Amino acid sequence: MEPSEAEGESMFPKSVGERLADARREAGLELADVATRTRIPLRQLEALEAGRYADLPAITYCIGFAKSYARAIGIDEVAIARDMRAELNLPDNRTVSPQYFEPADPARVPPKALVWTLVALLVVVIGGYAVWRTLLMEGPGGRDPAAIAAGTDTLESPAAPQTAANGTPVRRPAAAPAGGQVVLTATDTVWLRITDAAGERLFEKEMQPGERYQVPNDANEPKIVTGRPDALTVTVGGQQVPPLGPPQRTIRDVGISAAALAARAAEPIPGQPGAATAQP
């Protein structure tokens, strides 16, 4: 007599990672969707589902990642955390923080004033870089660093805005070349998948900041899936085009051929000044 499915599960219970993966699939989500919601790198979510806890930064990260994962897919995060502690053979004590490091030698601890000074300098440097990048990439007349390095970018005064007969500003569509090499450059850690019209996978990776991918010119209607379109800079023939989608929102099957990007750049953006509105 063969044991039932319930008896089999009681004899060989599933790990927390397997339960999370099953719940994710039941919710109709991909692992990339969970990575977008939790901001946990995709490779660490894959290790959590597979039970490869040694691949995580530290064993104690398992509980925090599991709770965030459970919260993102709508299951009981308290029960998941309890079962993860049991799976890791950790005491269920939430009032006492375990000591992982030996007490430091007071003679080697830097003065608090020095520490705070270094922190303040770091904040100033990061803030200055963020402001510079915003002005360079997103401000009026934003410039492409790759084009600047190649010598193809020139600083020009912005043209005066056009207006309709009734005085309403008319949005000037961003010009984009109809042909040329399409290049995707990651400005932050971002996962993406690129397929062609036949569904064949051309590229799939979690790109790191600064990494680039050149879309093959002979690709048949290449399309992209990603959870962070705002973390990608797209250029066609060295000229930057508008973002592929809104920040922190998964996009699917968005065309990234030179022709598709040129057509997309010429379309008004709903909700922006000058966008076409229906006339009664």
Protein backbone atom coordinates (compact mmCIF):
# COMPACT_ATOMS: atom_id res chain seq x y z
CA MET A 1 0.00 0.00 0.00
CA GLU A 2 1.55 3.31 -1.10
CA PRO A 3 1.45 6.27 1.31
CA SER A 4 -0.84 9.17 0.44
CA GLU A 5 0.52 12.56 -0.65
CA ALA A 6 -0.25 14.08 2.78
CA GLU A 7 1.51 11.20 4.56
CA GLY A 8 4.48 11.60 2.23
CA GLU A 9 4.73 15.30 3.05
CA SER A 10 4.61 14.57 6.78
CA MET A 11 7.35 11.96 6.45
CA PHE A 12 9.48 14.16 4.18
CA PRO A 13 8.43 17.77 4.88
CA LYS A 14 9.39 20.41 2.35
CA SER A 15 12.05 22.96 3.20
CA VAL A 16 11.17 26.61 3.67
CA GLY A 17 12.72 27.45 0.30
CA GLU A 18 10.60 24.83 -1.48
CA ARG A 19 7.45 26.13 0.20
CA LEU A 20 8.27 29.69 -0.84
CA ALA A 21 8.87 28.58 -4.43
CA ASP A 22 5.56 26.65 -4.51
CA ALA A 23 3.66 29.66 -3.13
CA ARG A 24 5.30 31.94 -5.68
CA ARG A 25 4.30 29.71 -8.57
CA GLU A 26 0.74 29.44 -7.24
CA ALA A 27 0.62 33.26 -7.19
CA GLY A 28 1.71 33.31 -10.86
CA LEU A 29 4.90 35.24 -10.14
CA GLU A 30 8.39 34.88 -11.54
CA LEU A 31 11.43 35.06 -9.33
CA ALA A 32 12.31 38.36 -10.99
CA ASP A 33 9.01 39.81 -9.70
CA VAL A 34 9.96 38.83 -6.14
CA ALA A 35 13.41 40.39 -6.62
CA THR A 36 11.76 43.63 -7.73
CA ARG A 37 9.42 43.71 -4.73
CA THR A 38 12.01 42.77 -2.09
CA ARG A 39 15.13 44.41 -3.63
CA ILE A 40 16.98 41.14 -2.85
CA PRO A 41 19.41 40.08 -5.61
CA LEU A 42 18.06 37.35 -7.86
CA ARG A 43 20.99 34.96 -7.24
CA GLN A 44 20.34 35.07 -3.47
CA LEU A 45 16.62 34.35 -3.96
CA GLU A 46 17.58 31.36 -6.12
CA ALA A 47 19.92 30.12 -3.35
CA LEU A 48 17.14 30.54 -0.77
CA GLU A 49 14.65 28.49 -2.83
CA ALA A 50 17.25 25.78 -3.45
CA GLY A 51 18.30 25.63 0.23
CA ARG A 52 21.88 26.75 -0.56
CA TYR A 53 22.15 28.84 2.57
CA ALA A 54 25.95 28.83 2.43
CA ASP A 55 25.69 31.01 -0.72
CA LEU A 56 24.06 33.82 1.28
CA PRO A 57 26.20 36.56 2.89
CA ALA A 58 25.64 35.03 6.36
CA ILE A 59 23.45 32.28 7.74
CA THR A 60 21.39 34.81 9.71
CA TYR A 61 20.35 36.47 6.42
CA CYS A 62 18.18 33.42 5.72
CA ILE A 63 15.52 34.49 8.22
CA GLY A 64 15.33 38.09 7.01
CA PHE A 65 15.27 37.10 3.33
CA ALA A 66 12.63 34.43 3.97
CA LYS A 67 10.39 36.92 5.81
CA SER A 68 10.72 39.50 3.03
CA TYR A 69 10.02 36.81 0.41
CA ALA A 70 6.91 35.62 2.30
CA ARG A 71 5.65 39.18 2.72
CA ALA A 72 6.09 39.88 -1.00
CA ILE A 73 3.95 36.88 -2.06
CA GLY A 74 1.34 37.27 0.69
CA ILE A 75 1.93 34.31 3.01
CA ASP A 76 2.51 34.16 6.79
CA GLU A 77 5.97 35.60 7.35
CA VAL A 78 5.91 34.79 11.10
CA ALA A 79 5.38 31.08 10.43
CA ILE A 80 8.04 31.13 7.71
CA ALA A 81 10.55 32.75 10.10
CA ARG A 82 9.75 30.20 12.82
CA ASP A 83 10.20 27.27 10.45
CA MET A 84 13.41 28.75 9.07
CA ARG A 85 14.84 29.00 12.61
CA ALA A 86 13.91 25.37 13.18
CA GLU A 87 15.47 24.35 9.87
CA LEU A 88 18.69 26.17 10.79
CA ASN A 89 18.60 24.83 14.38
CA LEU A 90 18.62 28.39 15.74
CA PRO A 91 16.98 29.26 19.12
CA ASP A 92 13.66 31.07 18.76
CA ASN A 93 14.72 33.97 20.98
CA ARG A 94 13.85 37.41 19.64
CA THR A 95 14.75 39.44 22.74
CA VAL A 96 18.46 38.71 22.96
CA SER A 97 20.71 39.57 20.03
CA PRO A 98 23.41 36.92 19.55
CA GLN A 99 27.02 38.04 19.64
CA TYR A 100 28.83 37.03 16.46
CA PHE A 101 32.07 38.91 17.09
CA GLU A 102 34.50 39.13 19.95
CA PRO A 103 34.62 42.43 21.85
CA ALA A 104 36.94 44.87 20.17
CA ASP A 105 40.08 46.12 21.83
CA PRO A 106 39.24 49.69 23.05
CA ALA A 107 42.76 50.77 22.11
CA ARG A 108 42.01 49.90 18.46
CA VAL A 109 38.59 51.55 18.25
CA PRO A 110 38.82 54.92 16.41
CA PRO A 111 37.50 58.01 18.22
CA LYS A 112 33.82 58.78 17.70
CA ALA A 113 34.66 62.20 16.29
CA LEU A 114 36.78 60.62 13.55
CA VAL A 115 34.06 58.09 12.73
CA TRP A 116 31.37 60.77 12.41
CA THR A 117 33.68 62.94 10.31
CA LEU A 118 34.26 60.07 7.88
CA VAL A 119 30.52 59.35 7.74
CA ALA A 120 29.77 63.02 6.99
CA LEU A 121 32.37 63.10 4.21
CA LEU A 122 30.94 59.92 2.70
CA VAL A 123 27.41 61.40 2.72
CA VAL A 124 28.67 64.58 1.02
CA VAL A 125 30.49 62.59 -1.68
CA ILE A 126 27.48 60.35 -2.38
CA GLY A 127 25.10 63.32 -2.42
CA GLY A 128 27.34 65.26 -4.80
CA TYR A 129 27.61 62.29 -7.15
CA ALA A 130 23.82 61.81 -7.13
CA VAL A 131 23.21 65.49 -7.95
CA TRP A 132 25.84 65.42 -10.72
CA ARG A 133 24.36 62.27 -12.25
CA THR A 134 20.82 63.69 -12.09
CA LEU A 135 21.88 66.88 -13.84
CA LEU A 136 23.89 64.94 -16.42
CA MET A 137 21.43 62.18 -17.23
CA GLU A 138 17.95 63.49 -16.40
CA GLY A 139 18.11 67.26 -16.49
CA PRO A 140 17.14 69.40 -19.48
CA GLY A 141 19.58 68.70 -22.26
CA GLY A 142 20.85 65.60 -20.45
CA ARG A 143 24.00 64.16 -22.02
CA ASP A 144 25.08 60.57 -22.58
CA PRO A 145 28.49 59.87 -20.92
CA ALA A 146 29.24 57.22 -23.57
CA ALA A 147 28.60 59.77 -26.33
CA ILE A 148 30.74 62.35 -24.53
CA ALA A 149 33.65 59.87 -24.34
CA ALA A 150 33.24 59.02 -28.03
CA GLY A 151 33.22 62.70 -28.98
CA THR A 152 29.78 62.47 -30.62
CA ASP A 153 27.96 64.53 -28.01
CA THR A 154 27.96 68.33 -28.21
CA LEU A 155 26.55 70.83 -25.74
CA GLU A 156 23.88 72.89 -27.40
CA SER A 157 21.38 75.40 -26.12
CA PRO A 158 17.90 73.91 -25.81
CA ALA A 159 15.49 74.95 -28.49
CA ALA A 160 12.58 77.17 -27.53
CA PRO A 161 9.39 75.19 -26.82
CA GLN A 162 6.80 75.13 -29.57
CA THR A 163 3.23 76.16 -28.85
CA ALA A 164 -0.05 75.42 -30.56
CA ALA A 165 -2.42 78.10 -31.86
CA ASN A 166 -4.26 78.19 -28.50
CA GLY A 167 -1.00 78.68 -26.59
CA THR A 168 -0.81 75.12 -25.28
CA PRO A 169 2.77 73.80 -25.22
CA VAL A 170 3.41 71.08 -27.78
CA ARG A 171 5.65 68.21 -26.71
CA ARG A 172 8.64 67.79 -29.01
CA PRO A 173 9.20 64.04 -29.44
CA ALA A 174 12.71 62.88 -28.64
CA ALA A 175 14.55 62.23 -31.85
CA ALA A 176 15.95 58.70 -32.23
CA PRO A 177 17.81 57.22 -35.20
CA ALA A 178 15.87 54.63 -37.16
CA GLY A 179 19.00 52.50 -37.44
CA GLY A 180 22.21 51.90 -35.57
CA GLN A 181 23.59 49.73 -32.80
CA VAL A 182 21.26 49.34 -29.79
CA VAL A 183 23.23 49.25 -26.51
CA LEU A 184 21.84 48.61 -23.02
CA THR A 185 23.97 49.91 -20.14
CA ALA A 186 23.17 49.06 -16.50
CA THR A 187 23.24 52.02 -14.08
CA ASP A 188 22.41 49.73 -11.13
CA THR A 189 22.09 46.00 -10.46
CA VAL A 190 19.29 44.82 -12.79
CA TRP A 191 18.04 41.48 -14.13
CA LEU A 192 16.78 41.26 -17.71
CA ARG A 193 15.88 38.72 -20.36
CA ILE A 194 15.88 39.35 -24.12
CA THR A 195 14.09 37.08 -26.60
CA ASP A 196 13.34 37.25 -30.32
CA ALA A 197 10.08 36.92 -32.22
CA ALA A 198 10.33 33.11 -32.11
CA GLY A 199 10.72 33.12 -28.33
CA GLU A 200 14.40 32.16 -28.49
CA ARG A 201 16.37 33.52 -25.54
CA LEU A 202 19.14 35.85 -26.76
CA PHE A 203 20.39 37.10 -23.38
CA GLU A 204 19.53 36.67 -19.70
CA LYS A 205 21.61 37.96 -16.81
CA GLU A 206 21.70 40.05 -13.67
CA MET A 207 23.85 42.93 -14.92
CA GLN A 208 26.05 44.97 -12.62
CA PRO A 209 26.48 48.77 -12.82
CA GLY A 210 28.49 49.73 -15.88
CA GLU A 211 27.90 46.44 -17.76
CA ARG A 212 26.79 46.80 -21.39
CA TYR A 213 24.96 44.55 -23.83
CA GLN A 214 24.79 45.15 -27.57
CA VAL A 215 21.59 43.90 -29.15
CA PRO A 216 22.48 41.96 -32.33
CA ASN A 217 21.59 44.03 -35.40
CA ASP A 218 20.23 40.91 -37.13
CA ALA A 219 17.98 39.90 -34.19
CA ASN A 220 14.38 39.23 -35.24
CA GLU A 221 12.19 41.70 -33.29
CA PRO A 222 14.11 41.51 -29.98
CA LYS A 223 12.01 42.13 -26.86
CA ILE A 224 12.95 42.68 -23.21
CA VAL A 225 11.56 41.63 -19.81
CA THR A 226 12.91 43.37 -16.68
CA GLY A 227 11.72 44.52 -13.27
CA ARG A 228 13.76 47.73 -13.25
CA PRO A 229 13.63 49.56 -16.60
CA ASP A 230 14.86 52.71 -14.83
CA ALA A 231 18.20 50.97 -14.13
CA LEU A 232 19.00 50.72 -17.86
CA THR A 233 20.32 53.41 -20.18
CA VAL A 234 19.40 52.70 -23.81
CA THR A 235 21.26 54.21 -26.76
CA VAL A 236 20.75 53.79 -30.50
CA GLY A 237 23.76 54.64 -32.59
CA GLY A 238 25.28 56.40 -29.56
CA GLN A 239 22.16 58.54 -28.97
CA GLN A 240 20.22 58.05 -25.74
CA VAL A 241 16.49 57.31 -25.99
CA PRO A 242 13.75 57.59 -23.33
CA PRO A 243 13.50 54.93 -20.57
CA LEU A 244 11.81 51.66 -21.48
CA GLY A 245 9.21 51.99 -18.73
CA PRO A 246 8.29 53.61 -15.40
CA PRO A 247 10.61 53.11 -12.40
CA GLN A 248 10.33 49.96 -10.27
CA ARG A 249 7.66 48.36 -12.48
CA THR A 250 8.08 45.14 -14.43
CA ILE A 251 7.86 45.49 -18.21
CA ARG A 252 7.33 42.56 -20.56
CA ASP A 253 7.83 42.08 -24.32
CA VAL A 254 8.91 45.67 -25.00
CA GLY A 255 10.56 45.95 -28.41
CA ILE A 256 14.20 47.07 -28.34
CA SER A 257 15.13 46.99 -32.01
CA ALA A 258 16.36 50.29 -33.47
CA ALA A 259 13.12 50.69 -35.44
CA ALA A 260 10.91 49.93 -32.40
CA LEU A 261 12.80 52.39 -30.20
CA ALA A 262 12.62 55.11 -32.87
CA ALA A 263 8.85 54.65 -33.20
CA ARG A 264 8.44 54.61 -29.42
CA ALA A 265 10.50 57.80 -28.93
CA ALA A 266 8.25 59.67 -31.38
CA GLU A 267 5.07 58.88 -29.40
CA PRO A 268 3.82 61.47 -26.85
CA ILE A 269 3.96 60.37 -23.21
CA PRO A 270 0.48 60.41 -21.59
CA GLY A 271 0.20 62.92 -18.77
CA GLN A 272 3.13 65.06 -19.97
CA PRO A 273 2.63 68.70 -21.10
CA GLY A 274 1.73 68.81 -24.73
CA ALA A 275 0.44 65.23 -24.90
CA ALA A 276 -2.47 64.81 -27.29
CA THR A 277 -5.92 64.92 -25.67
CA ALA A 278 -9.24 63.81 -27.05
CA GLN A 279 -11.35 66.61 -28.52
CA PRO A 280 -15.13 66.59 -27.96
